Amino acid sequence: MRLVLQRVRRARVLVEGEVIAEIGAGLLILLGIAPNDTEETARSLAQKVSLLRIFEDAQEKTNLSIQDIKGEALVVSQFTLYADVRKGRRPSFTEAAPPAIAAPLVERFAEFLRQQGIPTQSGRFGAHMLVEIYNDGPFTLWLEG
């Protein structure tokens, strides 16, 4: 499982011109699933994300978690995080999980965030999405589990 976390002031997802998800301050999470990922991987990474101290306190030090700031999360499935561009000019996505494996794990990851008390919305799996990001910092991290 690969995650790109972006600290945001706000973010939203549109599908065919319609806003399907929108958050205020918190995290935009681009989530890629590999074939061997499990529900336990999703649970572990959701817990890590919920406790990461990546938000600034009053002294502008990154001492606060998304829980501390009562932030929100927006989870967007991103199979391209498993792109292999070592050969040729066209990315290969053979390392990404097929939809039958990936879709339920993306939803479980979002559910595990909700269980941590984080209001969480999601993009639409398999849809062509327009993701609008108001990146705060910018502050972007890569996690793998």
N, C-alpha and C. Protein backbone atom coordinates (compact mmCIF):
# COMPACT_ATOMS: atom_id res chain seq x y z
N MET A 1 0.85 -1.16 0.00
CA MET A 1 0.00 0.00 0.00
C MET A 1 0.90 1.23 0.00
N ARG A 2 0.59 2.15 -0.86
CA ARG A 2 1.34 3.40 -0.94
C ARG A 2 0.38 4.56 -0.77
N LEU A 3 0.83 5.54 0.02
CA LEU A 3 0.02 6.72 0.28
C LEU A 3 0.85 7.96 0.02
N VAL A 4 0.24 8.93 -0.62
CA VAL A 4 0.79 10.26 -0.69
C VAL A 4 -0.15 11.13 0.13
N LEU A 5 0.40 11.72 1.20
CA LEU A 5 -0.39 12.59 2.08
C LEU A 5 -0.07 14.03 1.74
N GLN A 6 -1.10 14.81 1.54
CA GLN A 6 -0.90 16.23 1.31
C GLN A 6 -1.71 16.99 2.34
N ARG A 7 -1.01 17.79 3.12
CA ARG A 7 -1.68 18.64 4.11
C ARG A 7 -2.38 19.74 3.32
N VAL A 8 -3.68 19.90 3.56
CA VAL A 8 -4.47 20.84 2.76
C VAL A 8 -5.27 21.79 3.65
N ARG A 9 -5.55 22.95 3.10
CA ARG A 9 -6.51 23.87 3.72
C ARG A 9 -7.92 23.46 3.31
N ARG A 10 -8.00 22.92 2.08
CA ARG A 10 -9.27 22.39 1.58
C ARG A 10 -8.96 21.56 0.34
N ALA A 11 -9.89 20.66 0.02
CA ALA A 11 -9.74 19.83 -1.18
C ALA A 11 -11.12 19.33 -1.57
N ARG A 12 -11.26 19.01 -2.85
CA ARG A 12 -12.53 18.44 -3.29
C ARG A 12 -12.31 17.61 -4.54
N VAL A 13 -13.28 16.74 -4.80
CA VAL A 13 -13.24 15.85 -5.96
C VAL A 13 -14.50 16.08 -6.77
N LEU A 14 -14.31 16.23 -8.07
CA LEU A 14 -15.42 16.37 -8.99
C LEU A 14 -15.41 15.21 -9.97
N VAL A 15 -16.60 14.71 -10.30
CA VAL A 15 -16.78 13.71 -11.33
C VAL A 15 -17.86 14.24 -12.26
N GLU A 16 -17.50 14.37 -13.53
CA GLU A 16 -18.42 14.90 -14.54
C GLU A 16 -19.03 16.22 -14.11
N GLY A 17 -18.19 17.11 -13.53
CA GLY A 17 -18.62 18.44 -13.14
C GLY A 17 -19.36 18.51 -11.82
N GLU A 18 -19.61 17.39 -11.17
CA GLU A 18 -20.35 17.37 -9.90
C GLU A 18 -19.37 17.15 -8.75
N VAL A 19 -19.48 17.97 -7.70
CA VAL A 19 -18.66 17.78 -6.51
C VAL A 19 -19.20 16.56 -5.77
N ILE A 20 -18.33 15.54 -5.61
CA ILE A 20 -18.78 14.33 -4.91
C ILE A 20 -18.17 14.20 -3.52
N ALA A 21 -17.13 14.99 -3.23
CA ALA A 21 -16.50 14.98 -1.92
C ALA A 21 -15.78 16.30 -1.72
N GLU A 22 -15.82 16.79 -0.49
CA GLU A 22 -15.18 18.06 -0.20
C GLU A 22 -14.83 18.13 1.28
N ILE A 23 -13.60 18.61 1.58
CA ILE A 23 -13.17 18.75 2.97
C ILE A 23 -12.57 20.13 3.19
N GLY A 24 -12.48 20.49 4.46
CA GLY A 24 -11.73 21.66 4.88
C GLY A 24 -10.33 21.25 5.25
N ALA A 25 -9.77 21.85 6.30
CA ALA A 25 -8.40 21.57 6.71
C ALA A 25 -8.23 20.10 7.08
N GLY A 26 -7.12 19.53 6.61
CA GLY A 26 -6.84 18.14 6.91
C GLY A 26 -5.87 17.54 5.92
N LEU A 27 -6.21 16.33 5.45
CA LEU A 27 -5.32 15.59 4.56
C LEU A 27 -6.04 15.09 3.32
N LEU A 28 -5.42 15.33 2.18
CA LEU A 28 -5.78 14.63 0.95
C LEU A 28 -4.87 13.42 0.91
N ILE A 29 -5.46 12.24 0.77
CA ILE A 29 -4.69 11.00 0.77
C ILE A 29 -4.88 10.29 -0.55
N LEU A 30 -3.81 10.25 -1.36
CA LEU A 30 -3.82 9.47 -2.59
C LEU A 30 -3.36 8.07 -2.20
N LEU A 31 -4.15 7.06 -2.53
CA LEU A 31 -3.95 5.71 -2.01
C LEU A 31 -3.83 4.70 -3.14
N GLY A 32 -2.68 4.03 -3.20
CA GLY A 32 -2.46 2.96 -4.17
C GLY A 32 -2.43 1.62 -3.46
N ILE A 33 -3.03 0.61 -4.08
CA ILE A 33 -3.13 -0.72 -3.49
C ILE A 33 -2.35 -1.71 -4.36
N ALA A 34 -1.56 -2.55 -3.69
CA ALA A 34 -0.83 -3.63 -4.37
C ALA A 34 -1.60 -4.93 -4.18
N PRO A 35 -1.36 -5.93 -5.05
CA PRO A 35 -2.11 -7.19 -4.96
C PRO A 35 -1.99 -7.91 -3.62
N ASN A 36 -0.86 -7.77 -2.94
CA ASN A 36 -0.67 -8.49 -1.68
C ASN A 36 -1.07 -7.68 -0.44
N ASP A 37 -1.65 -6.50 -0.61
CA ASP A 37 -2.09 -5.71 0.53
C ASP A 37 -3.28 -6.37 1.20
N THR A 38 -3.40 -6.11 2.49
CA THR A 38 -4.45 -6.74 3.29
C THR A 38 -5.21 -5.69 4.09
N GLU A 39 -6.28 -6.15 4.71
CA GLU A 39 -7.04 -5.28 5.59
C GLU A 39 -6.17 -4.81 6.76
N GLU A 40 -5.29 -5.67 7.23
CA GLU A 40 -4.41 -5.29 8.34
C GLU A 40 -3.45 -4.18 7.91
N THR A 41 -2.97 -4.23 6.67
CA THR A 41 -2.12 -3.15 6.15
C THR A 41 -2.89 -1.84 6.17
N ALA A 42 -4.14 -1.88 5.71
CA ALA A 42 -4.98 -0.69 5.69
C ALA A 42 -5.21 -0.15 7.10
N ARG A 43 -5.49 -1.04 8.04
CA ARG A 43 -5.73 -0.64 9.43
C ARG A 43 -4.48 0.02 10.03
N SER A 44 -3.33 -0.60 9.83
CA SER A 44 -2.08 -0.10 10.38
C SER A 44 -1.73 1.28 9.82
N LEU A 45 -1.86 1.44 8.51
CA LEU A 45 -1.53 2.73 7.91
C LEU A 45 -2.54 3.81 8.29
N ALA A 46 -3.80 3.46 8.41
CA ALA A 46 -4.80 4.44 8.84
C ALA A 46 -4.49 4.93 10.25
N GLN A 47 -4.09 4.03 11.10
CA GLN A 47 -3.73 4.42 12.46
C GLN A 47 -2.51 5.34 12.45
N LYS A 48 -1.51 4.99 11.64
CA LYS A 48 -0.31 5.83 11.55
C LYS A 48 -0.65 7.23 11.04
N VAL A 49 -1.48 7.29 9.99
CA VAL A 49 -1.89 8.58 9.44
C VAL A 49 -2.61 9.41 10.50
N SER A 50 -3.47 8.79 11.27
CA SER A 50 -4.26 9.53 12.25
C SER A 50 -3.40 10.11 13.37
N LEU A 51 -2.22 9.55 13.59
CA LEU A 51 -1.36 10.00 14.69
C LEU A 51 -0.13 10.80 14.25
N LEU A 52 0.11 10.87 12.94
CA LEU A 52 1.27 11.63 12.45
C LEU A 52 1.18 13.08 12.88
N ARG A 53 2.26 13.58 13.45
CA ARG A 53 2.29 14.98 13.89
C ARG A 53 2.83 15.84 12.75
N ILE A 54 1.93 16.27 11.89
CA ILE A 54 2.35 17.02 10.70
C ILE A 54 1.62 18.35 10.55
N PHE A 55 0.88 18.74 11.59
CA PHE A 55 0.20 20.03 11.57
C PHE A 55 0.85 20.94 12.61
N GLU A 56 0.87 22.22 12.30
CA GLU A 56 1.59 23.18 13.14
C GLU A 56 0.81 23.57 14.38
N ASP A 57 1.56 23.75 15.47
CA ASP A 57 0.98 24.26 16.72
C ASP A 57 1.13 25.79 16.72
N ALA A 58 0.85 26.42 17.84
CA ALA A 58 0.91 27.88 17.95
C ALA A 58 2.32 28.43 17.73
N GLN A 59 3.34 27.59 17.95
CA GLN A 59 4.73 28.00 17.74
C GLN A 59 5.24 27.62 16.34
N GLU A 60 4.33 27.21 15.46
CA GLU A 60 4.64 26.82 14.09
C GLU A 60 5.55 25.60 14.00
N LYS A 61 5.46 24.72 14.99
CA LYS A 61 6.18 23.45 14.99
C LYS A 61 5.18 22.35 14.63
N THR A 62 5.63 21.37 13.87
CA THR A 62 4.74 20.27 13.49
C THR A 62 4.59 19.29 14.65
N ASN A 63 3.73 19.64 15.58
CA ASN A 63 3.49 18.86 16.79
C ASN A 63 2.08 18.30 16.89
N LEU A 64 1.23 18.60 15.92
CA LEU A 64 -0.18 18.22 16.03
C LEU A 64 -0.56 17.20 14.96
N SER A 65 -1.45 16.29 15.34
CA SER A 65 -1.97 15.30 14.39
C SER A 65 -3.28 15.81 13.79
N ILE A 66 -3.77 15.09 12.81
CA ILE A 66 -5.07 15.43 12.22
C ILE A 66 -6.16 15.32 13.28
N GLN A 67 -6.01 14.40 14.22
CA GLN A 67 -6.97 14.30 15.31
C GLN A 67 -6.92 15.53 16.20
N ASP A 68 -5.71 16.01 16.50
CA ASP A 68 -5.54 17.17 17.36
C ASP A 68 -6.21 18.42 16.79
N ILE A 69 -6.12 18.58 15.47
CA ILE A 69 -6.70 19.79 14.86
C ILE A 69 -8.15 19.59 14.45
N LYS A 70 -8.67 18.38 14.73
CA LYS A 70 -10.03 18.02 14.33
C LYS A 70 -10.21 18.21 12.82
N GLY A 71 -9.17 17.73 12.09
CA GLY A 71 -9.16 17.83 10.64
C GLY A 71 -9.97 16.74 9.97
N GLU A 72 -10.09 16.87 8.67
CA GLU A 72 -10.83 15.93 7.84
C GLU A 72 -9.88 15.24 6.88
N ALA A 73 -10.34 14.14 6.30
CA ALA A 73 -9.53 13.42 5.31
C ALA A 73 -10.35 13.19 4.05
N LEU A 74 -9.65 13.23 2.93
CA LEU A 74 -10.24 12.91 1.63
C LEU A 74 -9.35 11.84 1.00
N VAL A 75 -9.91 10.64 0.82
CA VAL A 75 -9.17 9.50 0.29
C VAL A 75 -9.52 9.33 -1.19
N VAL A 76 -8.48 9.31 -2.02
CA VAL A 76 -8.65 9.17 -3.46
C VAL A 76 -7.81 7.99 -3.95
N SER A 77 -8.46 7.01 -4.53
CA SER A 77 -7.76 5.85 -5.08
C SER A 77 -6.83 6.31 -6.20
N GLN A 78 -5.59 5.80 -6.18
CA GLN A 78 -4.58 6.26 -7.13
C GLN A 78 -3.69 5.10 -7.55
N PHE A 79 -4.17 4.26 -8.47
CA PHE A 79 -3.39 3.09 -8.89
C PHE A 79 -2.08 3.48 -9.54
N THR A 80 -1.98 4.71 -10.03
CA THR A 80 -0.76 5.14 -10.71
C THR A 80 0.42 5.27 -9.76
N LEU A 81 0.18 5.18 -8.45
CA LEU A 81 1.30 5.17 -7.50
C LEU A 81 2.15 3.92 -7.68
N TYR A 82 1.61 2.92 -8.37
CA TYR A 82 2.36 1.70 -8.65
C TYR A 82 2.86 1.64 -10.09
N ALA A 83 2.97 2.78 -10.73
CA ALA A 83 3.48 2.82 -12.10
C ALA A 83 4.95 2.39 -12.14
N ASP A 84 5.28 1.61 -13.13
CA ASP A 84 6.66 1.20 -13.36
C ASP A 84 7.10 1.86 -14.67
N VAL A 85 8.07 2.76 -14.56
CA VAL A 85 8.55 3.49 -15.73
C VAL A 85 10.03 3.20 -16.02
N ARG A 86 10.50 2.06 -15.52
CA ARG A 86 11.91 1.71 -15.72
C ARG A 86 12.23 1.39 -17.17
N LYS A 87 11.27 0.88 -17.92
CA LYS A 87 11.50 0.51 -19.32
C LYS A 87 10.54 1.27 -20.21
N GLY A 88 11.04 1.65 -21.35
CA GLY A 88 10.19 2.29 -22.34
C GLY A 88 9.69 3.66 -21.92
N ARG A 89 8.63 4.08 -22.60
CA ARG A 89 8.08 5.41 -22.37
C ARG A 89 6.66 5.40 -21.85
N ARG A 90 6.08 4.22 -21.78
CA ARG A 90 4.72 4.11 -21.29
C ARG A 90 4.74 3.39 -19.95
N PRO A 91 4.10 3.96 -18.93
CA PRO A 91 4.09 3.30 -17.62
C PRO A 91 3.36 1.96 -17.67
N SER A 92 3.86 1.03 -16.90
CA SER A 92 3.19 -0.25 -16.71
C SER A 92 2.56 -0.23 -15.33
N PHE A 93 1.35 -0.78 -15.22
CA PHE A 93 0.65 -0.77 -13.94
C PHE A 93 0.41 -2.19 -13.42
N THR A 94 1.26 -3.11 -13.83
CA THR A 94 1.07 -4.51 -13.44
C THR A 94 1.30 -4.73 -11.94
N GLU A 95 1.96 -3.79 -11.27
CA GLU A 95 2.19 -3.92 -9.83
C GLU A 95 1.02 -3.42 -9.00
N ALA A 96 0.04 -2.80 -9.64
CA ALA A 96 -1.16 -2.32 -8.93
C ALA A 96 -2.17 -3.46 -8.82
N ALA A 97 -2.91 -3.47 -7.73
CA ALA A 97 -3.94 -4.49 -7.53
C ALA A 97 -5.08 -4.30 -8.51
N PRO A 98 -5.71 -5.39 -8.94
CA PRO A 98 -6.89 -5.26 -9.79
C PRO A 98 -8.05 -4.66 -8.97
N PRO A 99 -9.03 -4.08 -9.66
CA PRO A 99 -10.14 -3.43 -8.96
C PRO A 99 -10.85 -4.30 -7.92
N ALA A 100 -10.98 -5.59 -8.17
CA ALA A 100 -11.68 -6.47 -7.22
C ALA A 100 -10.96 -6.52 -5.87
N ILE A 101 -9.66 -6.32 -5.86
CA ILE A 101 -8.89 -6.28 -4.61
C ILE A 101 -8.80 -4.86 -4.09
N ALA A 102 -8.53 -3.92 -4.99
CA ALA A 102 -8.25 -2.54 -4.58
C ALA A 102 -9.48 -1.81 -4.04
N ALA A 103 -10.60 -1.90 -4.71
CA ALA A 103 -11.79 -1.13 -4.31
C ALA A 103 -12.19 -1.38 -2.86
N PRO A 104 -12.32 -2.64 -2.43
CA PRO A 104 -12.70 -2.85 -1.03
C PRO A 104 -11.65 -2.36 -0.03
N LEU A 105 -10.36 -2.45 -0.38
CA LEU A 105 -9.33 -1.99 0.55
C LEU A 105 -9.29 -0.47 0.65
N VAL A 106 -9.58 0.21 -0.44
CA VAL A 106 -9.66 1.68 -0.37
C VAL A 106 -10.79 2.06 0.58
N GLU A 107 -11.93 1.42 0.46
CA GLU A 107 -13.05 1.72 1.35
C GLU A 107 -12.74 1.35 2.79
N ARG A 108 -12.08 0.23 3.01
CA ARG A 108 -11.72 -0.18 4.37
C ARG A 108 -10.75 0.82 5.00
N PHE A 109 -9.79 1.31 4.21
CA PHE A 109 -8.86 2.31 4.72
C PHE A 109 -9.62 3.55 5.18
N ALA A 110 -10.56 4.02 4.36
CA ALA A 110 -11.37 5.19 4.73
C ALA A 110 -12.17 4.89 6.00
N GLU A 111 -12.72 3.71 6.10
CA GLU A 111 -13.49 3.33 7.28
C GLU A 111 -12.61 3.30 8.53
N PHE A 112 -11.38 2.80 8.39
CA PHE A 112 -10.47 2.78 9.54
C PHE A 112 -10.14 4.19 10.00
N LEU A 113 -10.01 5.15 9.07
CA LEU A 113 -9.82 6.55 9.47
C LEU A 113 -11.03 7.05 10.24
N ARG A 114 -12.22 6.73 9.76
CA ARG A 114 -13.44 7.14 10.47
C ARG A 114 -13.46 6.56 11.88
N GLN A 115 -13.02 5.33 12.02
CA GLN A 115 -12.98 4.69 13.34
C GLN A 115 -12.00 5.40 14.28
N GLN A 116 -11.03 6.10 13.72
CA GLN A 116 -10.09 6.89 14.51
C GLN A 116 -10.67 8.26 14.87
N GLY A 117 -11.91 8.52 14.45
CA GLY A 117 -12.57 9.78 14.75
C GLY A 117 -12.32 10.87 13.74
N ILE A 118 -11.82 10.51 12.56
CA ILE A 118 -11.51 11.49 11.52
C ILE A 118 -12.64 11.51 10.50
N PRO A 119 -13.35 12.62 10.35
CA PRO A 119 -14.36 12.69 9.29
C PRO A 119 -13.68 12.46 7.94
N THR A 120 -14.15 11.48 7.20
CA THR A 120 -13.45 11.04 5.99
C THR A 120 -14.42 10.91 4.83
N GLN A 121 -14.05 11.50 3.72
CA GLN A 121 -14.79 11.35 2.47
C GLN A 121 -13.89 10.66 1.46
N SER A 122 -14.49 10.19 0.37
CA SER A 122 -13.73 9.46 -0.64
C SER A 122 -14.09 9.94 -2.04
N GLY A 123 -13.13 9.72 -2.94
CA GLY A 123 -13.42 9.91 -4.35
C GLY A 123 -14.28 8.74 -4.83
N ARG A 124 -14.43 8.60 -6.13
CA ARG A 124 -15.22 7.51 -6.70
C ARG A 124 -14.26 6.55 -7.41
N PHE A 125 -14.16 5.35 -6.89
CA PHE A 125 -13.23 4.36 -7.42
C PHE A 125 -13.50 4.13 -8.91
N GLY A 126 -12.44 4.18 -9.71
CA GLY A 126 -12.53 3.88 -11.13
C GLY A 126 -13.02 5.03 -12.00
N ALA A 127 -13.47 6.11 -11.38
CA ALA A 127 -13.98 7.25 -12.16
C ALA A 127 -12.83 8.16 -12.57
N HIS A 128 -13.06 8.92 -13.64
CA HIS A 128 -12.13 9.98 -14.00
C HIS A 128 -12.48 11.17 -13.10
N MET A 129 -11.57 11.50 -12.20
CA MET A 129 -11.83 12.53 -11.19
C MET A 129 -10.98 13.77 -11.44
N LEU A 130 -11.55 14.90 -11.14
CA LEU A 130 -10.81 16.15 -11.07
C LEU A 130 -10.63 16.42 -9.59
N VAL A 131 -9.36 16.47 -9.14
CA VAL A 131 -9.07 16.67 -7.72
C VAL A 131 -8.50 18.07 -7.55
N GLU A 132 -9.20 18.88 -6.79
CA GLU A 132 -8.74 20.23 -6.50
C GLU A 132 -8.11 20.25 -5.12
N ILE A 133 -6.89 20.76 -5.07
CA ILE A 133 -6.11 20.74 -3.83
C ILE A 133 -5.64 22.14 -3.51
N TYR A 134 -5.89 22.56 -2.29
CA TYR A 134 -5.33 23.80 -1.78
C TYR A 134 -4.29 23.37 -0.75
N ASN A 135 -3.08 23.02 -1.26
CA ASN A 135 -2.01 22.43 -0.46
C ASN A 135 -1.50 23.45 0.55
N ASP A 136 -1.31 23.00 1.78
CA ASP A 136 -0.87 23.86 2.87
C ASP A 136 0.60 23.59 3.18
N GLY A 137 1.45 24.49 2.77
CA GLY A 137 2.88 24.35 3.05
C GLY A 137 3.73 24.75 1.85
N PRO A 138 3.76 23.98 0.82
CA PRO A 138 3.19 22.64 0.66
C PRO A 138 3.88 21.65 1.59
N PHE A 139 3.10 20.69 2.00
CA PHE A 139 3.58 19.65 2.90
C PHE A 139 3.06 18.32 2.38
N THR A 140 3.97 17.51 1.82
CA THR A 140 3.59 16.25 1.18
C THR A 140 4.51 15.14 1.68
N LEU A 141 3.90 14.00 2.06
CA LEU A 141 4.66 12.86 2.52
C LEU A 141 4.28 11.61 1.74
N TRP A 142 5.20 10.67 1.68
CA TRP A 142 5.00 9.38 1.03
C TRP A 142 5.12 8.32 2.11
N LEU A 143 4.12 7.45 2.22
CA LEU A 143 4.16 6.32 3.16
C LEU A 143 3.96 5.04 2.41
N GLU A 144 4.58 4.00 2.89
CA GLU A 144 4.42 2.69 2.27
C GLU A 144 4.30 1.65 3.38
N GLY A 145 3.42 0.70 3.17
CA GLY A 145 3.24 -0.34 4.19
C GLY A 145 2.96 -1.68 3.58
